[in-house]
Protein backbone atom coordinates (compact mmCIF):
# COMPACT_ATOMS: atom_id res chain seq x y z
CA MET A 1 17.72 155.47 -2.41
CA GLU A 2 19.50 156.67 0.75
CA GLU A 3 22.20 158.52 -1.18
CA ALA A 4 19.82 161.16 -2.63
CA PRO A 5 18.66 162.63 0.72
CA ARG A 6 22.26 162.84 1.95
CA GLY A 7 23.23 164.55 -1.28
CA VAL A 8 20.39 167.04 -0.89
CA ARG A 9 21.36 167.75 2.72
CA ALA A 10 24.98 168.23 1.73
CA ARG A 11 23.97 170.66 -1.01
CA MET A 12 21.75 172.56 1.43
CA ARG A 13 24.60 172.80 3.92
CA GLU A 14 26.94 174.09 1.21
CA ALA A 15 24.32 176.63 0.09
CA ILE A 16 23.92 177.95 3.64
CA ARG A 17 27.69 178.02 4.09
CA ALA A 18 28.05 180.01 0.85
CA GLU A 19 25.29 182.43 1.95
CA LEU A 20 27.02 183.00 5.29
CA THR A 21 30.33 183.69 3.55
CA ALA A 22 28.67 186.13 1.12
CA ALA A 23 26.91 187.88 4.01
CA ALA A 24 30.21 188.14 5.90
CA MET A 25 31.86 189.75 2.86
CA ARG A 26 28.98 192.22 2.41
CA SER A 27 29.04 193.17 6.08
CA ILE A 28 32.80 193.70 6.03
CA ASP A 29 32.49 195.92 2.96
CA GLU A 30 29.69 197.93 4.60
CA VAL A 31 30.78 198.28 8.24
CA GLY A 32 34.34 196.93 8.38
CA PHE A 33 35.86 193.78 9.80
CA ALA A 34 35.84 194.80 13.47
CA ALA A 35 32.15 195.79 13.42
CA THR A 36 31.09 192.63 11.62
CA THR A 37 29.72 190.07 14.09
CA ALA A 38 28.66 186.47 13.77
CA GLY A 39 25.18 187.52 14.90
CA ALA A 40 24.89 190.14 12.16
CA ILE A 41 26.12 187.69 9.53
CA ALA A 42 23.61 185.07 10.69
CA ALA A 43 20.74 187.60 10.78
CA ALA A 44 21.49 188.67 7.20
CA VAL A 45 21.00 185.08 6.09
CA GLY A 46 17.97 184.47 8.30
CA VAL A 47 19.55 181.94 10.65
CA SER A 48 20.50 182.08 14.31
CA GLU A 49 23.95 182.92 15.62
CA ARG A 50 24.07 179.38 16.97
CA THR A 51 23.54 178.10 13.42
CA PHE A 52 26.40 180.31 12.22
CA PHE A 53 28.70 178.60 14.72
CA ARG A 54 27.65 175.18 13.44
CA TYR A 55 29.16 176.15 10.12
CA PHE A 56 32.12 178.29 11.17
CA PRO A 57 34.05 178.52 14.44
CA THR A 58 34.85 182.23 13.85
CA LYS A 59 34.02 185.07 11.47
CA GLU A 60 37.57 184.75 10.13
CA ASP A 61 36.72 181.22 8.99
CA ALA A 62 33.58 182.48 7.22
CA VAL A 63 35.68 184.96 5.24
CA LEU A 64 38.50 182.56 4.39
CA GLN A 65 36.42 179.43 3.80
CA PRO A 66 36.06 179.60 0.01
CA ILE A 67 39.82 179.69 -0.49
CA GLU A 68 40.76 177.45 2.43
CA ALA A 69 38.33 174.75 1.30
CA LEU A 70 40.49 174.21 -1.79
CA GLY A 71 43.38 172.61 0.11
CA LEU A 72 42.10 169.03 0.11
CA PRO A 73 40.82 169.08 -3.50
CA ILE A 74 44.23 170.37 -4.63
CA ALA A 75 45.94 167.55 -2.71
CA GLU A 76 43.61 165.02 -4.36
CA GLU A 77 44.35 166.50 -7.78
CA LEU A 78 48.05 166.25 -7.01
CA ARG A 79 47.59 162.52 -6.36
CA ARG A 80 45.89 162.14 -9.76
CA ARG A 81 48.57 163.93 -11.78
CA PRO A 82 50.53 161.73 -14.24
CA ALA A 83 53.60 160.04 -12.78
CA ARG A 84 55.74 161.45 -15.61
CA GLU A 85 55.32 165.00 -14.24
CA THR A 86 58.01 166.39 -11.97
CA ALA A 87 56.98 167.44 -8.46
CA LEU A 88 56.85 171.07 -9.52
CA GLU A 89 54.86 170.34 -12.69
CA ALA A 90 52.36 168.27 -10.74
CA LEU A 91 51.98 170.92 -8.03
CA ARG A 92 51.46 173.68 -10.59
CA ALA A 93 48.86 171.64 -12.46
CA ALA A 94 47.02 170.81 -9.22
CA PHE A 95 46.95 174.50 -8.29
CA GLU A 96 44.90 175.18 -11.40
CA LEU A 97 41.91 174.51 -9.11
CA ALA A 98 42.93 177.48 -6.97
CA VAL A 99 43.56 179.64 -10.02
CA ALA A 100 40.08 178.89 -11.37
CA ALA A 101 38.47 179.72 -8.01
CA VAL A 102 40.26 183.07 -7.79
CA VAL A 103 39.44 184.01 -11.38
CA ALA A 104 35.77 183.11 -10.79
CA GLU A 105 35.47 185.34 -7.68
CA PRO A 106 37.85 188.28 -8.09
CA GLY A 107 35.86 190.60 -5.82
CA ALA A 108 35.84 188.13 -2.95
CA MET A 109 39.55 187.48 -3.41
CA ALA A 110 40.32 191.20 -3.39
CA THR A 111 38.42 191.55 -0.10
CA VAL A 112 40.25 188.57 1.42
CA MET A 113 43.63 189.94 0.35
CA ARG A 114 42.84 193.43 1.67
CA LEU A 115 41.74 192.01 5.02
CA ASN A 116 44.70 189.65 5.12
CA ARG A 117 46.96 192.71 5.04
CA SER A 118 45.01 194.84 7.51
CA GLU A 119 43.54 192.41 10.07
CA PRO A 120 46.04 190.51 12.25
CA ALA A 121 43.42 187.97 13.38
CA LEU A 122 42.59 187.09 9.79
CA ARG A 123 46.26 186.88 8.87
CA ARG A 124 46.90 184.49 11.77
CA ARG A 125 44.00 182.29 10.68
CA HIS A 126 45.24 182.35 7.09
CA LEU A 127 48.72 181.23 8.15
CA GLN A 128 47.23 178.43 10.25
CA GLN A 129 45.28 177.23 7.23
CA GLN A 130 48.37 177.41 5.05
CA ASP A 131 49.99 174.96 7.44
CA VAL A 132 47.03 172.60 6.98
CA TRP A 133 47.36 172.96 3.18
CA THR A 134 51.10 172.27 3.39
CA ALA A 135 50.53 169.07 5.39
CA ALA A 136 47.86 167.78 2.98
CA LEU A 137 49.92 168.61 -0.10
CA ALA A 138 53.11 167.19 1.38
CA GLU A 139 51.40 163.89 2.15
CA ALA A 140 50.12 163.68 -1.45
CA LEU A 141 53.50 164.65 -2.90
CA ALA A 142 55.37 162.18 -0.69
CA GLU A 143 52.99 159.46 -1.86
CA ARG A 144 53.78 160.36 -5.50
CA LEU A 145 57.50 160.28 -4.79
CA GLY A 146 57.43 157.05 -2.76
CA GLN A 147 58.57 158.85 0.39
CA ALA A 148 57.34 158.62 3.98
CA PRO A 149 54.10 160.62 4.57
CA ASP A 150 55.97 163.05 6.86
CA SER A 151 58.84 163.59 4.41
CA PRO A 152 60.61 166.88 5.25
CA ALA A 153 61.63 167.30 1.59
CA ALA A 154 58.02 167.03 0.38
CA ARG A 155 56.90 169.45 3.08
CA MET A 156 59.55 171.99 2.05
CA GLN A 157 58.60 171.69 -1.61
CA CYS A 158 54.91 172.19 -0.82
CA GLY A 159 55.71 175.08 1.50
CA ALA A 160 57.67 176.70 -1.31
CA MET A 161 54.72 176.19 -3.67
CA LEU A 162 52.39 177.91 -1.20
CA LEU A 163 54.81 180.82 -1.01
CA ALA A 164 54.69 181.03 -4.82
CA TRP A 165 50.88 181.02 -4.63
CA GLU A 166 50.96 183.78 -2.03
CA LYS A 167 53.33 185.80 -4.21
CA ALA A 168 50.98 185.39 -7.19
CA LEU A 169 47.98 186.56 -5.15
CA VAL A 170 49.83 189.58 -3.80
CA SER A 171 50.87 190.55 -7.32
CA CYS A 172 47.26 190.19 -8.56
CA TYR A 173 46.02 192.28 -5.65
CA GLU A 174 48.56 195.02 -6.26
CA ARG A 175 47.69 195.11 -9.97
CA GLU A 176 43.97 194.89 -9.16
CA ASP A 177 43.67 192.04 -11.66
CA PHE A 178 42.93 188.54 -10.37
CA GLY A 179 42.42 187.40 -13.94
CA ARG A 180 46.22 187.20 -14.03
CA ALA A 181 46.37 184.56 -11.27
CA GLY A 182 47.58 181.79 -13.57
CA ALA A 183 50.24 183.93 -15.24
CA GLU A 184 51.44 185.30 -11.90
CA LEU A 185 51.64 181.78 -10.47
CA ASP A 186 53.61 180.63 -13.50
CA ALA A 187 56.06 183.50 -12.98
CA ALA A 188 56.47 182.61 -9.30
CA VAL A 189 56.88 178.91 -10.11
CA ALA A 190 59.58 179.74 -12.64
CA GLU A 191 61.56 181.23 -9.76
CA LEU A 192 61.20 177.98 -7.81
CA ARG A 193 62.59 175.71 -10.49
CA GLY A 194 66.09 175.73 -9.01
CA PHE A 195 64.72 174.48 -5.70
CA PHE A 196 62.99 171.48 -7.30
CA THR A 197 65.83 170.22 -9.48
């Protein structure tokens, strides 16, 4: 019986988090990144600025959260991939979670990519999160390969995969078509094959 209330609370927290992210995106589209404040985002959702900071440490985190939150689920999916898959095959299959998220929210992704190119603070935060993704993925990949959790080889392979993902997103942004995320990632991964053999 105790599990249900916790599940409800977790869903409520996720709903508020999603509302704050959506409000941040709307505000940025309307008044720009610099003029968007945590207080304005919170007010648009009907919560206090203090509540905003319970969910996100910065406005950059509110904007990047939907994409950044995928890092751990992708690492978990990587752990579940069949042992017969090569490292690159397993990574590409695990990244299907990211592809699906981008395809489902092309407008949000376009905004994130635009801001990532124009706002240094957001770009810094994005690069910090990429490092977190790399660490989580490298630990999962090293586990698959029977290597030490801090394996430099696994970290390099996962770093290369994140560069392929970034290349795919940039290509989608430039073509104004995030529906191509999977195809663009496949093209970028094809270029990595020499590194993984």
